[in-house]
């Protein structure tokens, strides 16, 4: 099977606005920590050929991802449905067009086009670099680097990142985690030519710090480069809408800040190195299928109370910026999303989102563009069985989609989301259908 990889560095060539909705500085204000890359993987398999890129940015807007997919397709003879564009969701990389907040001046947004150009360059380089290669796969559980970040509080609602043990009003962790770490690598002439790593844990360890960094995936990549040389390392973020490396159950400083990124990235790299060292088996890829569909999800309703709160926050932003800065992030998120949601609902009460599935032998990879709560990923893996990789924030970025329990318990992720109570199940069902179609 013809397999190709490439890795194009993005940082250092242009200034960009930093990831996260509630920060107002650019990369020019920051120190370097780990490089930002656009990493691409290409598989040539006739009508089931595909190219998949993953970039160290917060997210792609659906329209930006589609423009990239069309440009790559036009240059390679593929269709846009055969091109997948993912974001690692690094919060210390460039923020995406969909995340630009009215709370702060946006400045020059031309960096979107520069990121797109780098992504296209990586895709075309991977397509040109294809060679005969065999595939290896391994998995392990790594429970030290992922924790559920939502806790039920005494007021009956959930709170994101409620500190460590002893935090006032904290009752219990809301939901589960998925500790599965998966690695896929391709071997030519006895050496890996590219490594793909999948894990589900929010890369926001360095959020708000003035560093340019790919966060813990960047540390992991740096460690893998030290062992295997400067080969492409592609990170696919699993469904991590409610997951974090921070261990609020025992020690909230674990997985936090620069030290946290170094710890988590090093642990994951060690796991990957161990799996590669212990896995001698390779297999020729003989079965390849790729499919991209769309599914319709409904926007949530805007209540009069939501609209009133949103208007009050924006009024406070204009009248007392210091008081605005002191507000909880979930309050700011609600105000911002209500304003955006009102504009979206003026066009239609729903949104059509892309869902993709790829099969390589008995390995299935499924994608969605949400920050999906992990409950749906766990259920999907149980239903599909075998080797199943979920990659979120692919072919767009539509923000949080909570579990049904999470939706009722509210909190930051629900306040920051656009979609209704049934959206998560709709997305899971669509991923399940796509996966079964490429497996049949």
Protein backbone atom coordinates (compact mmCIF):
# COMPACT_ATOMS: atom_id res chain seq x y z
CA UNK A 1 0.00 0.00 0.00
CA UNK A 2 1.24 3.48 -0.87
CA UNK A 3 1.51 5.58 2.31
CA UNK A 4 2.90 9.09 2.69
CA UNK A 5 3.48 11.58 5.51
CA UNK A 6 4.66 15.15 5.82
CA UNK A 7 5.06 17.70 8.58
CA UNK A 8 5.19 21.43 7.88
CA UNK A 9 6.06 23.88 10.63
CA UNK A 10 3.63 26.81 11.04
CA UNK A 11 4.87 28.98 13.90
CA UNK A 12 7.47 31.69 13.51
CA UNK A 13 6.39 32.78 10.04
CA UNK A 14 3.35 34.91 10.90
CA UNK A 15 1.63 36.46 13.90
CA UNK A 16 -1.68 35.00 15.03
CA UNK A 17 -4.30 35.54 17.71
CA UNK A 18 -3.90 33.00 20.51
CA UNK A 19 -6.38 30.21 21.08
CA UNK A 20 -9.27 30.47 23.52
CA UNK A 21 -12.24 32.80 23.48
CA UNK A 22 -11.35 35.00 26.44
CA UNK A 23 -7.73 36.01 25.77
CA UNK A 24 -6.67 39.12 23.91
CA UNK A 25 -3.00 38.69 23.02
CA UNK A 26 -1.14 37.41 19.97
CA UNK A 27 1.79 35.11 19.34
CA UNK A 28 4.07 38.16 19.23
CA UNK A 29 3.47 38.55 22.98
CA UNK A 30 4.47 34.95 23.74
CA UNK A 31 7.55 32.81 24.29
CA UNK A 32 8.14 29.65 22.22
CA UNK A 33 7.59 26.29 23.93
CA UNK A 34 7.04 23.60 21.29
CA UNK A 35 6.67 24.04 17.51
CA UNK A 36 3.29 24.11 15.78
CA UNK A 37 2.89 21.79 12.82
CA UNK A 38 0.51 20.88 10.06
CA UNK A 39 0.95 17.10 9.79
CA UNK A 40 -0.54 15.13 6.91
CA UNK A 41 -1.05 11.47 6.09
CA UNK A 42 -1.90 10.19 2.60
CA UNK A 43 -3.09 6.76 1.48
CA UNK A 44 -3.24 5.89 -2.21
CA UNK A 45 -5.84 3.17 -2.75
CA UNK A 46 -7.61 3.94 -6.01
CA UNK A 47 -11.11 5.29 -5.52
CA UNK A 48 -10.67 4.96 -1.74
CA UNK A 49 -7.56 7.11 -1.55
CA UNK A 50 -7.55 9.86 1.05
CA UNK A 51 -5.47 12.59 2.67
CA UNK A 52 -5.83 13.51 6.34
CA UNK A 53 -4.19 16.54 7.97
CA UNK A 54 -4.05 17.47 11.65
CA UNK A 55 -2.95 20.96 12.71
CA UNK A 56 -1.86 22.39 16.04
CA UNK A 57 -4.65 24.95 16.26
CA UNK A 58 -7.70 25.34 18.48
CA UNK A 59 -10.18 24.45 15.73
CA UNK A 60 -11.07 25.02 12.10
CA UNK A 61 -14.30 26.70 11.13
CA UNK A 62 -16.27 24.38 8.86
CA UNK A 63 -15.98 26.83 5.97
CA UNK A 64 -12.19 27.12 6.37
CA UNK A 65 -11.79 23.34 6.48
CA UNK A 66 -13.97 22.98 3.38
CA UNK A 67 -11.87 25.51 1.46
CA UNK A 68 -8.74 23.50 2.29
CA UNK A 69 -10.40 20.23 1.33
CA UNK A 70 -11.49 21.64 -2.02
CA UNK A 71 -8.04 23.03 -2.82
CA UNK A 72 -6.33 19.76 -1.95
CA UNK A 73 -8.91 17.79 -3.93
CA UNK A 74 -8.45 19.97 -7.00
CA UNK A 75 -4.66 19.49 -6.88
CA UNK A 76 -4.75 15.71 -6.41
CA UNK A 77 -7.81 14.51 -8.31
CA UNK A 78 -9.53 13.43 -5.11
CA UNK A 79 -12.96 14.63 -4.05
CA UNK A 80 -13.37 16.94 -1.02
CA UNK A 81 -15.00 13.97 0.74
CA UNK A 82 -11.64 12.17 0.53
CA UNK A 83 -9.82 14.96 2.39
CA UNK A 84 -10.07 15.25 6.17
CA UNK A 85 -8.84 18.23 8.17
CA UNK A 86 -8.48 17.96 11.96
CA UNK A 87 -7.33 20.24 14.77
CA UNK A 88 -5.40 19.01 17.79
CA UNK A 89 -7.24 21.70 19.81
CA UNK A 90 -4.09 23.21 21.29
CA UNK A 91 -5.20 26.29 23.24
CA UNK A 92 -1.76 27.89 22.92
CA UNK A 93 -1.85 27.77 19.14
CA UNK A 94 -3.90 29.95 16.80
CA UNK A 95 -7.52 30.47 17.63
CA UNK A 96 -9.96 29.67 14.85
CA UNK A 97 -12.30 31.98 13.01
CA UNK A 98 -15.30 30.42 14.75
CA UNK A 99 -13.79 31.25 18.14
CA UNK A 100 -13.24 34.96 17.59
CA UNK A 101 -15.00 36.71 20.44
CA UNK A 102 -16.73 40.09 20.41
CA UNK A 103 -15.21 40.68 23.86
CA UNK A 104 -11.86 41.75 22.42
CA UNK A 105 -10.63 43.43 19.22
CA UNK A 106 -9.72 40.74 16.71
CA UNK A 107 -6.99 42.58 14.82
CA UNK A 108 -5.49 41.10 11.67
CA UNK A 109 -7.17 37.80 10.80
CA UNK A 110 -5.18 37.11 7.64
CA UNK A 111 -3.33 34.34 9.46
CA UNK A 112 -6.26 32.05 8.67
CA UNK A 113 -5.20 32.07 5.03
CA UNK A 114 -1.58 31.38 6.02
CA UNK A 115 -2.63 28.40 8.17
CA UNK A 116 -4.72 27.11 5.28
CA UNK A 117 -1.77 27.45 2.91
CA UNK A 118 0.49 25.49 5.28
CA UNK A 119 -2.14 22.77 5.63
CA UNK A 120 -2.54 22.46 1.88
CA UNK A 121 1.26 22.32 1.53
CA UNK A 122 1.43 19.48 4.06
CA UNK A 123 -1.35 17.55 2.31
CA UNK A 124 0.27 17.82 -1.12
CA UNK A 125 3.69 16.90 0.28
CA UNK A 126 2.26 13.75 1.91
CA UNK A 127 0.56 12.84 -1.38
CA UNK A 128 3.86 13.26 -3.23
CA UNK A 129 5.83 11.31 -0.58
CA UNK A 130 3.89 8.03 -0.80
CA UNK A 131 5.80 4.77 -0.76
CA UNK A 132 5.18 1.13 -0.04
CA UNK A 133 4.72 0.70 3.72
CA UNK A 134 3.22 -1.75 6.19
CA UNK A 135 1.04 -0.85 9.18
CA UNK A 136 1.43 -1.56 12.89
CA UNK A 137 -1.04 -0.89 15.68
CA UNK A 138 -0.93 -1.01 19.47
CA UNK A 139 -3.02 0.24 22.37
CA UNK A 140 -2.71 0.64 26.12
CA UNK A 141 -4.56 2.36 28.93
CA UNK A 142 -3.05 5.55 30.37
CA UNK A 143 -5.26 6.77 33.21
CA UNK A 144 -2.79 9.25 34.75
CA UNK A 145 -3.25 11.85 32.00
CA UNK A 146 -7.02 12.04 31.65
CA UNK A 147 -9.70 13.00 34.18
CA UNK A 148 -13.28 14.17 33.95
CA UNK A 149 -13.20 17.93 34.51
CA UNK A 150 -16.85 18.38 35.54
CA UNK A 151 -18.06 18.01 39.12
CA UNK A 152 -21.56 18.14 40.53
CA UNK A 153 -21.83 21.02 42.99
CA UNK A 154 -24.12 21.67 45.97
CA UNK A 155 -26.26 24.03 43.86
CA UNK A 156 -27.34 21.08 41.68
CA UNK A 157 -25.29 22.09 38.65
CA UNK A 158 -21.93 20.96 37.33
CA UNK A 159 -18.79 23.07 37.34
CA UNK A 160 -15.72 22.78 35.11
CA UNK A 161 -12.31 22.63 36.82
CA UNK A 162 -13.44 22.93 40.47
CA UNK A 163 -9.91 22.89 41.90
CA UNK A 164 -8.57 19.96 43.86
CA UNK A 165 -9.84 18.10 46.94
CA UNK A 166 -11.55 20.39 49.41
CA UNK A 167 -12.94 22.81 46.83
CA UNK A 168 -16.03 24.46 48.42
CA UNK A 169 -19.38 22.99 47.45
CA UNK A 170 -17.94 20.12 45.42
CA UNK A 171 -19.86 16.84 45.67
CA UNK A 172 -18.69 14.29 43.10
CA UNK A 173 -17.22 13.80 39.66
CA UNK A 174 -19.94 13.94 37.02
CA UNK A 175 -18.84 11.31 34.53
CA UNK A 176 -16.27 8.85 33.18
CA UNK A 177 -13.01 9.05 31.24
CA UNK A 178 -11.57 7.05 28.36
CA UNK A 179 -7.95 6.15 29.21
CA UNK A 180 -7.27 4.31 25.93
CA UNK A 181 -4.15 5.48 24.10
CA UNK A 182 -3.88 4.20 20.52
CA UNK A 183 -0.93 4.36 18.14
CA UNK A 184 -0.77 3.51 14.45
CA UNK A 185 2.55 3.68 12.63
CA UNK A 186 3.74 2.78 9.16
CA UNK A 187 7.02 1.04 8.47
CA UNK A 188 9.22 1.10 5.38
CA UNK A 189 12.60 -0.63 5.22
CA UNK A 190 12.27 -1.58 8.88
CA UNK A 191 11.78 1.97 10.20
CA UNK A 192 8.70 4.04 11.06
CA UNK A 193 7.96 6.74 8.46
CA UNK A 194 5.06 8.27 10.36
CA UNK A 195 3.24 7.82 13.67
CA UNK A 196 -0.43 8.56 14.44
CA UNK A 197 -1.44 8.91 18.10
CA UNK A 198 -5.00 9.09 19.41
CA UNK A 199 -5.88 10.12 22.97
CA UNK A 200 -8.80 11.91 24.61
CA UNK A 201 -7.75 14.72 26.96
CA UNK A 202 -8.15 18.46 26.53
CA UNK A 203 -4.86 20.08 25.42
CA UNK A 204 -5.54 23.18 27.50
CA UNK A 205 -2.85 22.50 30.10
CA UNK A 206 -1.13 25.79 29.25
CA UNK A 207 -4.31 27.79 28.64
CA UNK A 208 -3.87 31.50 29.27
CA UNK A 209 -0.08 31.30 29.56
CA UNK A 210 1.94 33.42 27.19
CA UNK A 211 3.61 30.61 25.28
CA UNK A 212 3.28 29.41 21.72
CA UNK A 213 2.91 25.66 22.12
CA UNK A 214 1.21 22.56 20.80
CA UNK A 215 0.63 21.78 24.50
CA UNK A 216 1.12 18.19 25.66
CA UNK A 217 0.85 16.74 22.10
CA UNK A 218 3.81 18.95 21.19
CA UNK A 219 5.86 17.63 24.12
CA UNK A 220 4.94 14.08 23.11
CA UNK A 221 5.99 14.78 19.52
CA UNK A 222 9.31 16.29 20.65
CA UNK A 223 10.09 13.18 22.72
CA UNK A 224 9.19 10.87 19.83
CA UNK A 225 11.42 12.88 17.51
CA UNK A 226 14.29 12.37 19.94
CA UNK A 227 13.91 8.61 19.55
CA UNK A 228 12.80 8.13 15.94
CA UNK A 229 14.24 11.19 14.25
CA UNK A 230 12.31 14.01 12.64
CA UNK A 231 9.50 11.84 11.27
CA UNK A 232 5.92 13.16 11.14
CA UNK A 233 3.93 12.56 14.32
CA UNK A 234 0.21 13.17 13.86
CA UNK A 235 -2.03 13.67 16.88
CA UNK A 236 -5.76 12.95 16.60
CA UNK A 237 -7.73 14.33 19.53
CA UNK A 238 -10.37 11.90 20.78
CA UNK A 239 -13.75 12.96 22.17
CA UNK A 240 -12.64 15.12 25.09
CA UNK A 241 -15.32 17.76 25.57
CA UNK A 242 -15.47 17.00 29.30
CA UNK A 243 -11.94 15.62 29.86
CA UNK A 244 -8.71 17.18 31.11
CA UNK A 245 -5.19 16.11 32.12
CA UNK A 246 -5.75 17.93 35.46
CA UNK A 247 -6.39 15.55 38.36
CA UNK A 248 -9.04 17.39 40.37
CA UNK A 249 -9.78 14.25 42.35
CA UNK A 250 -6.36 14.09 43.98
CA UNK A 251 -4.03 16.92 42.95
CA UNK A 252 -5.19 19.76 40.71
CA UNK A 253 -1.60 20.81 39.97
CA UNK A 254 -0.99 17.57 38.08
CA UNK A 255 -1.37 18.25 34.39
CA UNK A 256 -1.39 22.04 34.76
CA UNK A 257 0.89 24.73 33.34
CA UNK A 258 4.21 24.23 31.58
CA UNK A 259 5.22 21.52 34.06
CA UNK A 260 1.92 19.75 33.45
CA UNK A 261 2.36 19.79 29.67
CA UNK A 262 5.87 18.38 30.07
CA UNK A 263 4.66 15.63 32.41
CA UNK A 264 1.66 14.57 30.33
CA UNK A 265 3.47 14.72 26.99
CA UNK A 266 6.40 12.73 28.36
CA UNK A 267 4.15 10.05 29.86
CA UNK A 268 2.26 9.59 26.58
CA UNK A 269 5.47 9.53 24.55
CA UNK A 270 6.89 6.85 26.85
CA UNK A 271 3.75 4.77 26.33
CA UNK A 272 4.02 5.11 22.54
CA UNK A 273 7.74 4.27 22.53
CA UNK A 274 7.09 1.21 24.68
CA UNK A 275 4.26 0.03 22.41
CA UNK A 276 6.37 0.44 19.27
CA UNK A 277 9.33 -1.34 20.89
CA UNK A 278 7.16 -4.27 21.99
CA UNK A 279 5.20 -4.62 18.74
CA UNK A 280 7.06 -6.58 16.09
CA UNK A 281 4.05 -7.37 13.95
CA UNK A 282 3.29 -5.42 10.78
CA UNK A 283 0.52 -5.97 8.28
CA UNK A 284 0.01 -5.07 4.67
CA UNK A 285 -2.97 -2.77 4.21
CA UNK A 286 -5.24 -4.55 1.76
CA UNK A 287 -8.66 -3.10 2.62
CA UNK A 288 -9.22 0.65 2.48
CA UNK A 289 -12.53 2.48 2.47
CA UNK A 290 -13.42 6.11 3.14
CA UNK A 291 -16.79 7.78 3.48
CA UNK A 292 -17.98 11.28 4.40
CA UNK A 293 -21.62 12.09 5.07
CA UNK A 294 -23.51 14.83 6.85
CA UNK A 295 -26.01 14.75 9.68
CA UNK A 296 -28.44 17.41 10.84
CA UNK A 297 -28.31 18.62 14.45
CA UNK A 298 -30.76 21.09 15.94
CA UNK A 299 -29.84 24.29 17.71
CA UNK A 300 -31.12 24.73 21.24
CA UNK A 301 -33.85 27.20 22.03
CA UNK A 302 -33.05 30.64 23.40
CA UNK A 303 -35.02 31.37 26.54
CA UNK A 304 -35.97 34.86 27.63
CA UNK A 305 -33.76 34.38 30.68
CA UNK A 306 -30.77 33.44 28.50
CA UNK A 307 -31.30 36.50 26.33
CA UNK A 308 -31.63 38.77 29.38
CA UNK A 309 -28.38 37.44 30.89
CA UNK A 310 -26.54 37.83 27.60
CA UNK A 311 -27.67 41.43 27.20
CA UNK A 312 -26.59 42.22 30.77
CA UNK A 313 -23.09 40.81 30.22
CA UNK A 314 -22.53 42.78 27.05
CA UNK A 315 -23.81 45.90 28.77
CA UNK A 316 -21.33 45.28 31.59
CA UNK A 317 -18.53 44.84 29.06
CA UNK A 318 -19.22 48.34 27.81
CA UNK A 319 -19.77 50.00 31.21
CA UNK A 320 -17.38 48.25 33.63
CA UNK A 321 -14.69 46.14 32.01
CA UNK A 322 -13.04 45.31 35.34
CA UNK A 323 -16.31 43.82 36.65
CA UNK A 324 -16.67 41.92 33.38
CA UNK A 325 -13.18 40.44 33.75
CA UNK A 326 -14.10 39.15 37.22
CA UNK A 327 -17.04 37.09 35.93
CA UNK A 328 -16.84 33.31 35.79
CA UNK A 329 -15.84 31.99 32.37
CA UNK A 330 -19.13 30.05 32.06
CA UNK A 331 -21.09 33.30 32.39
CA UNK A 332 -19.06 34.93 29.62
CA UNK A 333 -19.42 31.82 27.48
CA UNK A 334 -23.22 31.87 27.80
CA UNK A 335 -23.47 35.52 26.80
CA UNK A 336 -21.24 35.02 23.79
CA UNK A 337 -23.01 31.88 22.59
CA UNK A 338 -26.49 33.34 22.96
CA UNK A 339 -25.56 36.22 20.71
CA UNK A 340 -24.02 33.86 18.14
CA UNK A 341 -26.88 31.40 18.46
CA UNK A 342 -29.41 34.11 17.77
CA UNK A 343 -27.64 34.86 14.48
CA UNK A 344 -27.48 31.18 13.54
CA UNK A 345 -31.16 30.56 14.29
CA UNK A 346 -32.06 33.53 12.11
CA UNK A 347 -30.76 31.48 9.16
CA UNK A 348 -32.08 28.03 10.17
CA UNK A 349 -32.95 26.14 13.39
CA UNK A 350 -30.41 23.42 12.56
CA UNK A 351 -26.94 22.81 11.15
CA UNK A 352 -25.67 20.08 8.84
CA UNK A 353 -22.30 18.76 10.03
CA UNK A 354 -19.78 16.36 8.41
CA UNK A 355 -19.17 12.84 9.68
CA UNK A 356 -16.40 10.66 8.20
CA UNK A 357 -15.24 7.07 8.53
CA UNK A 358 -12.05 5.42 7.29
CA UNK A 359 -11.22 1.72 7.27
CA UNK A 360 -7.76 0.17 7.02
CA UNK A 361 -8.09 -3.60 7.36
CA UNK A 362 -9.77 -4.07 10.77
CA UNK A 363 -8.94 -0.55 12.00
CA UNK A 364 -11.81 1.95 11.84
CA UNK A 365 -11.41 5.69 12.33
CA UNK A 366 -14.52 7.86 12.73
CA UNK A 367 -14.71 11.63 12.96
CA UNK A 368 -16.99 14.46 14.00
CA UNK A 369 -16.49 18.25 14.25
CA UNK A 370 -17.68 18.69 17.85
CA UNK A 371 -16.03 18.82 21.24
CA UNK A 372 -18.06 15.76 22.09
CA UNK A 373 -18.50 14.44 25.62
CA UNK A 374 -16.64 11.17 26.13
CA UNK A 375 -19.76 9.18 27.02
CA UNK A 376 -20.64 8.97 23.33
CA UNK A 377 -17.16 7.74 22.38
CA UNK A 378 -17.24 5.03 25.04
CA UNK A 379 -20.64 3.86 23.84
CA UNK A 380 -19.52 3.89 20.21
CA UNK A 381 -16.42 1.82 20.95
CA UNK A 382 -18.49 -0.70 22.86
CA UNK A 383 -20.92 -1.06 19.96
CA UNK A 384 -18.25 -1.30 17.26
CA UNK A 385 -15.69 -3.33 19.19
CA UNK A 386 -12.21 -4.05 17.92
CA UNK A 387 -9.87 -1.32 16.79
CA UNK A 388 -11.85 1.92 16.78
CA UNK A 389 -10.38 5.42 16.83
CA UNK A 390 -12.57 8.50 17.28
CA UNK A 391 -11.23 11.88 16.19
CA UNK A 392 -13.16 15.04 17.01
CA UNK A 393 -12.81 18.59 15.62
CA UNK A 394 -12.48 17.18 12.10
CA UNK A 395 -13.72 19.01 9.00
CA UNK A 396 -14.80 21.89 11.20
CA UNK A 397 -15.24 22.87 14.83
CA UNK A 398 -18.71 23.26 16.32
CA UNK A 399 -17.79 23.54 20.00
CA UNK A 400 -19.26 21.49 22.85
CA UNK A 401 -21.90 18.81 22.55
CA UNK A 402 -22.76 17.49 26.01
CA UNK A 403 -24.10 14.16 27.17
CA UNK A 404 -27.78 14.16 28.07
CA UNK A 405 -26.88 14.16 31.76
CA UNK A 406 -24.40 16.96 31.22
CA UNK A 407 -26.97 18.98 29.33
CA UNK A 408 -29.31 18.85 32.32
CA UNK A 409 -26.53 19.68 34.78
CA UNK A 410 -25.51 22.79 32.77
CA UNK A 411 -22.09 24.34 33.44
CA UNK A 412 -19.50 25.90 31.13
CA UNK A 413 -19.64 23.37 28.30
CA UNK A 414 -23.41 23.54 28.05
CA UNK A 415 -23.44 27.34 28.27
CA UNK A 416 -20.81 27.45 25.53
CA UNK A 417 -22.68 25.04 23.23
CA UNK A 418 -25.18 25.66 20.45
CA UNK A 419 -27.05 22.38 20.24
CA UNK A 420 -30.05 20.70 21.79
CA UNK A 421 -30.43 17.80 24.21
CA UNK A 422 -30.44 15.16 21.44
CA UNK A 423 -27.47 16.44 19.42
CA UNK A 424 -24.86 14.14 20.98
CA UNK A 425 -26.88 11.01 20.34
CA UNK A 426 -27.55 12.14 16.78
CA UNK A 427 -23.80 12.54 16.19
CA UNK A 428 -22.96 9.18 17.77
CA UNK A 429 -25.60 7.41 15.68
CA UNK A 430 -24.24 9.02 12.51
CA UNK A 431 -20.67 7.96 13.35
CA UNK A 432 -21.91 4.44 14.05
CA UNK A 433 -23.67 4.26 10.66
CA UNK A 434 -20.61 5.56 8.82
CA UNK A 435 -18.31 3.10 10.59
CA UNK A 436 -20.57 0.15 9.79
CA UNK A 437 -20.83 1.21 6.17
CA UNK A 438 -17.06 1.19 5.64
CA UNK A 439 -16.79 -2.11 7.52
CA UNK A 440 -19.42 -3.92 5.41
